[in-house]
Amino acid sequence: MPGFTEISSTQLMRLIGTPDAPQIIDVSIDEDFNADPHLIPTARRWPHTRIEELAPTLKGTHVVTICQQGKKLSRGSAALLASHSIHAENLEGGNFAWRDSGLPRIPHVNLPTSHRWVTRHRPKIDRIACPWLIRRFVNPAAQFLFVAPSDVALVAEKFDATPFDTEIPPFCHHGEACTFDRMLDLFGLDTEPLRRLATVIRAADTNRHDLAPEAAGLLAISIGLSRAYKDDQAQLDAGLPLYDALYRWARDGQGETHDDAPST
């Protein structure tokens, strides 16, 4: 059986939030998980005894397996997946190492039970930014429904979908905080890059461009996208790379300027 390889918490955190992030499988036993019910961003729970059932769906992907201490359960799971020619790594030190590094962990109690979300149609800023956050940091398989404002509550009930960026709590504006801010709070995603990005989103979404000069550009591009796409799903697909770029700016691009004027 092929051996596993390991990835550190720091290395994994650099990948989470990007389009190239691995699929994260948490194989912790129920007893360990229930003692500390938090998940690494985008992780999904799966029994280690059934790990090979996932192999057909993981072909061609990068996978990171996790257990509480990063030992036998996640190492064995990674090795089993590797025997199916899947690029699988074990998280060094497991959930404990991640927690002790002070990296963000999502409280399981705040995660919706369904992968469906619903909001008002014709999205612009918060209603594109929030799906980006959910797909990149919470649930990569999340599905988003855009409906008439008057239909949001009923669709949420009939289709087991979580409403967001409406008047329905908890995923809504709260005081001066926009929905993106609330999601960061509820999902425990308190990182400097995401807070920096949230300021730009809040400034654009609430017309407070004094909070961040980048807000004017985000507003202009968001309005342009809403004019360019009549289909909300197509607009969402086009908008996700915009927030990928903004996140990389918030994470790595601070202080960089551009002056392409020719020298004389």
Protein backbone atom coordinates (compact mmCIF):
# COMPACT_ATOMS: atom_id res chain seq x y z
CA MET A 1 0.00 0.00 0.00
CA PRO A 2 1.45 3.43 -0.92
CA GLY A 3 2.50 5.58 1.99
CA PHE A 4 0.91 8.86 2.93
CA THR A 5 2.48 12.30 2.82
CA GLU A 6 1.87 15.13 5.28
CA ILE A 7 0.95 18.78 5.00
CA SER A 8 1.35 21.35 7.77
CA SER A 9 -1.42 23.58 9.11
CA THR A 10 0.31 26.65 7.68
CA GLN A 11 0.60 25.08 4.24
CA LEU A 12 -3.04 24.00 4.26
CA MET A 13 -4.27 27.43 5.36
CA ARG A 14 -2.48 28.99 2.37
CA LEU A 15 -4.51 26.75 0.07
CA ILE A 16 -7.92 27.18 1.71
CA GLY A 17 -9.83 30.04 0.13
CA THR A 18 -8.26 29.56 -3.31
CA PRO A 19 -9.65 27.69 -6.33
CA ASP A 20 -6.84 25.13 -5.90
CA ALA A 21 -7.79 24.19 -2.33
CA PRO A 22 -7.84 20.46 -1.57
CA GLN A 23 -10.87 18.51 -0.49
CA ILE A 24 -10.64 18.11 3.29
CA ILE A 25 -12.02 14.95 4.86
CA ASP A 26 -12.31 14.82 8.66
CA VAL A 27 -12.31 11.17 9.80
CA SER A 28 -12.35 11.89 13.55
CA ILE A 29 -14.48 9.47 15.54
CA ASP A 30 -17.72 10.83 16.99
CA GLU A 31 -16.45 10.79 20.56
CA ASP A 32 -13.46 13.00 19.70
CA PHE A 33 -15.49 15.34 17.50
CA ASN A 34 -18.27 15.77 20.05
CA ALA A 35 -15.70 16.76 22.68
CA ASP A 36 -14.66 19.71 20.46
CA PRO A 37 -17.28 20.19 17.72
CA HIS A 38 -15.43 22.44 15.30
CA LEU A 39 -14.34 21.94 11.71
CA ILE A 40 -11.42 23.23 9.71
CA PRO A 41 -12.85 25.47 6.93
CA THR A 42 -14.39 23.40 4.08
CA ALA A 43 -13.85 20.10 5.93
CA ARG A 44 -16.56 17.47 5.76
CA ARG A 45 -16.92 14.59 8.17
CA TRP A 46 -16.72 11.02 6.93
CA PRO A 47 -16.20 7.71 8.80
CA HIS A 48 -12.69 6.29 8.40
CA THR A 49 -14.27 2.85 8.05
CA ARG A 50 -15.93 3.94 4.80
CA ILE A 51 -13.14 6.05 3.33
CA GLU A 52 -12.75 3.86 0.24
CA GLU A 53 -16.35 4.62 -0.73
CA LEU A 54 -15.21 8.14 -1.54
CA ALA A 55 -12.41 7.05 -3.85
CA PRO A 56 -14.45 7.14 -7.12
CA THR A 57 -15.55 10.72 -6.42
CA LEU A 58 -12.04 11.91 -5.52
CA LYS A 59 -10.20 10.80 -8.64
CA GLY A 60 -8.04 13.59 -10.02
CA THR A 61 -8.33 15.72 -6.88
CA HIS A 62 -6.04 16.73 -4.03
CA VAL A 63 -7.28 15.42 -0.69
CA VAL A 64 -6.22 16.16 2.89
CA THR A 65 -7.38 13.78 5.63
CA ILE A 66 -7.73 14.89 9.24
CA CYS A 67 -8.29 13.32 12.64
CA GLN A 68 -7.83 14.78 16.10
CA GLN A 69 -4.08 14.14 16.44
CA GLY A 70 -3.10 13.45 12.84
CA LYS A 71 -2.10 9.86 13.56
CA LYS A 72 -3.53 6.46 12.72
CA LEU A 73 -7.02 7.37 11.44
CA SER A 74 -6.03 10.15 9.06
CA ARG A 75 -2.73 8.50 8.09
CA GLY A 76 -4.47 5.25 7.28
CA SER A 77 -7.22 7.05 5.38
CA ALA A 78 -4.66 8.95 3.31
CA ALA A 79 -2.77 5.76 2.56
CA LEU A 80 -5.95 3.98 1.47
CA LEU A 81 -6.87 6.82 -0.87
CA ALA A 82 -3.31 6.85 -2.21
CA SER A 83 -3.71 3.14 -3.06
CA HIS A 84 -6.47 4.29 -5.44
CA SER A 85 -4.03 6.69 -7.16
CA ILE A 86 -5.48 9.73 -5.38
CA HIS A 87 -3.19 12.56 -4.28
CA ALA A 88 -3.89 12.29 -0.55
CA GLU A 89 -2.07 13.93 2.34
CA ASN A 90 -2.46 13.78 6.10
CA LEU A 91 -2.69 16.98 8.16
CA GLU A 92 0.35 16.97 10.41
CA GLY A 93 -0.81 17.07 14.04
CA GLY A 94 -4.47 16.96 13.02
CA ASN A 95 -7.21 19.13 14.47
CA PHE A 96 -5.22 19.74 17.65
CA ALA A 97 -2.28 21.25 15.76
CA TRP A 98 -4.66 23.44 13.73
CA ARG A 99 -6.41 24.62 16.90
CA ASP A 100 -3.16 25.28 18.74
CA SER A 101 -1.90 27.35 15.80
CA GLY A 102 -4.83 29.73 16.29
CA LEU A 103 -6.20 29.11 12.80
CA PRO A 104 -9.94 29.58 12.11
CA ARG A 105 -12.33 26.81 13.07
CA ILE A 106 -16.02 26.72 12.21
CA PRO A 107 -18.42 25.94 15.08
CA HIS A 108 -20.41 22.95 13.88
CA VAL A 109 -23.55 24.26 15.57
CA ASN A 110 -23.59 27.27 13.21
CA LEU A 111 -23.42 25.22 10.02
CA PRO A 112 -26.71 24.80 8.15
CA THR A 113 -27.83 21.21 7.74
CA SER A 114 -28.57 21.71 4.04
CA HIS A 115 -26.16 22.56 1.23
CA ARG A 116 -28.78 24.88 -0.32
CA TRP A 117 -28.92 28.63 0.19
CA VAL A 118 -31.51 31.10 -1.09
CA THR A 119 -31.51 34.87 -1.58
CA ARG A 120 -33.05 37.65 -3.65
CA HIS A 121 -32.50 37.59 -7.38
CA ARG A 122 -30.37 40.07 -9.37
CA PRO A 123 -27.35 39.98 -7.00
CA LYS A 124 -24.71 42.66 -6.87
CA ILE A 125 -22.22 42.77 -3.96
CA ASP A 126 -23.16 40.90 -0.76
CA ARG A 127 -25.13 38.29 -2.71
CA ILE A 128 -22.04 37.39 -4.77
CA ALA A 129 -19.48 37.88 -1.98
CA CYS A 130 -21.34 35.58 0.43
CA PRO A 131 -21.60 32.65 -2.01
CA TRP A 132 -17.87 33.10 -2.69
CA LEU A 133 -17.16 32.91 1.05
CA ILE A 134 -19.34 29.84 1.48
CA ARG A 135 -17.85 27.97 -1.47
CA ARG A 136 -14.25 28.83 -0.59
CA PHE A 137 -14.36 28.53 3.22
CA VAL A 138 -17.46 26.62 4.31
CA ASN A 139 -18.93 24.20 1.76
CA PRO A 140 -17.47 23.91 -1.76
CA ALA A 141 -20.57 21.99 -2.87
CA ALA A 142 -23.02 24.70 -1.77
CA GLN A 143 -25.89 25.46 -4.12
CA PHE A 144 -27.41 28.95 -4.47
CA LEU A 145 -30.98 29.78 -5.43
CA PHE A 146 -31.91 33.29 -6.60
CA VAL A 147 -35.63 34.07 -6.38
CA ALA A 148 -37.99 37.02 -6.13
CA PRO A 149 -37.74 38.76 -2.72
CA SER A 150 -41.30 37.79 -1.83
CA ASP A 151 -40.50 34.11 -2.44
CA VAL A 152 -37.36 33.75 -0.32
CA ALA A 153 -39.02 32.56 2.89
CA LEU A 154 -41.31 30.08 1.14
CA VAL A 155 -38.54 28.66 -1.04
CA ALA A 156 -36.35 28.32 2.05
CA GLU A 157 -39.10 26.28 3.73
CA LYS A 158 -40.10 24.11 0.77
CA PHE A 159 -36.60 23.39 -0.54
CA ASP A 160 -34.69 23.14 2.75
CA ALA A 161 -32.55 26.16 1.89
CA THR A 162 -30.91 28.68 4.22
CA PRO A 163 -31.86 32.30 3.47
CA PHE A 164 -29.10 34.90 3.36
CA ASP A 165 -28.83 38.64 2.74
CA THR A 166 -32.53 39.13 3.40
CA GLU A 167 -34.37 40.31 6.50
CA ILE A 168 -34.36 36.75 7.86
CA PRO A 169 -31.72 36.15 10.57
CA PRO A 170 -29.06 35.10 11.26
CA PHE A 171 -27.36 35.56 7.87
CA CYS A 172 -28.39 39.15 7.29
CA HIS A 173 -27.27 42.72 7.93
CA HIS A 174 -26.87 43.54 11.62
CA GLY A 175 -26.33 47.16 12.60
CA GLU A 176 -23.48 48.49 10.48
CA ALA A 177 -22.32 44.97 9.61
CA CYS A 178 -23.34 43.52 6.27
CA THR A 179 -24.13 39.86 5.66
CA PHE A 180 -20.52 39.05 4.76
CA ASP A 181 -19.43 40.41 8.15
CA ARG A 182 -22.06 38.30 9.93
CA MET A 183 -20.92 35.16 8.16
CA LEU A 184 -17.33 35.77 9.24
CA ASP A 185 -18.54 36.07 12.84
CA LEU A 186 -20.87 33.07 12.83
CA PHE A 187 -18.41 30.80 11.02
CA GLY A 188 -15.43 31.86 13.13
CA LEU A 189 -13.50 33.04 10.07
CA ASP A 190 -11.64 35.78 11.90
CA THR A 191 -8.51 36.24 9.79
CA GLU A 192 -6.82 39.48 8.85
CA PRO A 193 -7.20 39.00 5.07
CA LEU A 194 -10.92 38.18 5.34
CA ARG A 195 -11.55 41.14 7.67
CA ARG A 196 -9.70 43.40 5.24
CA LEU A 197 -11.81 42.06 2.39
CA ALA A 198 -14.95 42.48 4.50
CA THR A 199 -14.23 46.18 4.95
CA VAL A 200 -14.12 46.69 1.18
CA ILE A 201 -17.32 44.69 0.71
CA ARG A 202 -19.13 46.57 3.49
CA ALA A 203 -17.99 49.91 2.11
CA ALA A 204 -19.27 49.04 -1.38
CA ASP A 205 -22.47 47.36 -0.17
CA THR A 206 -23.50 50.22 2.15
CA ASN A 207 -22.18 53.10 0.02
CA ARG A 208 -19.50 54.00 2.60
CA HIS A 209 -16.55 54.48 0.27
CA ASP A 210 -14.75 56.44 2.97
CA LEU A 211 -14.09 53.10 4.70
CA ALA A 212 -11.99 51.73 1.83
CA PRO A 213 -10.97 53.41 -1.44
CA GLU A 214 -11.21 50.03 -3.22
CA ALA A 215 -14.98 50.05 -2.66
CA ALA A 216 -15.63 52.32 -5.63
CA GLY A 217 -13.97 49.86 -7.97
CA LEU A 218 -15.85 46.90 -6.48
CA LEU A 219 -19.15 48.74 -6.86
CA ALA A 220 -18.42 49.64 -10.47
CA ILE A 221 -17.44 46.09 -11.42
CA SER A 222 -20.42 44.61 -9.55
CA ILE A 223 -22.86 46.89 -11.36
CA GLY A 224 -21.15 46.04 -14.63
CA LEU A 225 -21.55 42.32 -13.98
CA SER A 226 -25.24 42.77 -13.18
CA ARG A 227 -25.68 44.54 -16.52
CA ALA A 228 -23.63 42.01 -18.46
CA TYR A 229 -25.53 38.92 -17.23
CA LYS A 230 -29.27 38.40 -17.24
CA ASP A 231 -28.90 34.94 -15.72
CA ASP A 232 -28.08 35.08 -12.00
CA GLN A 233 -26.22 31.76 -12.00
CA ALA A 234 -24.04 32.93 -14.89
CA GLN A 235 -23.38 36.16 -13.03
CA LEU A 236 -22.37 34.19 -9.93
CA ASP A 237 -19.97 32.07 -11.98
CA ALA A 238 -18.45 35.23 -13.48
CA GLY A 239 -18.24 36.97 -10.10
CA LEU A 240 -16.40 34.26 -8.16
CA PRO A 241 -13.02 34.93 -9.85
CA LEU A 242 -13.42 38.62 -8.95
CA TYR A 243 -13.50 37.71 -5.25
CA ASP A 244 -10.70 35.20 -5.73
CA ALA A 245 -8.58 38.10 -6.95
CA LEU A 246 -9.73 40.44 -4.17
CA TYR A 247 -8.90 37.80 -1.56
CA ARG A 248 -5.39 37.39 -2.93
CA TRP A 249 -5.01 41.17 -2.84
CA ALA A 250 -6.23 41.24 0.78
CA ARG A 251 -3.91 38.38 1.71
CA ASP A 252 -0.74 39.12 -0.27
CA GLY A 253 -1.02 42.38 -2.15
CA GLN A 254 -1.00 45.03 0.55
CA GLY A 255 1.22 48.00 -0.22
CA GLU A 256 1.80 47.06 -3.84
CA THR A 257 1.21 49.91 -6.30
CA HIS A 258 1.45 50.22 -10.05
CA ASP A 259 2.95 52.99 -12.15
CA ASP A 260 3.51 51.97 -15.71
CA ALA A 261 4.50 55.40 -16.97
CA PRO A 262 7.50 55.17 -19.34
CA SER A 263 10.75 56.59 -18.01
CA THR A 264 12.35 59.47 -19.88
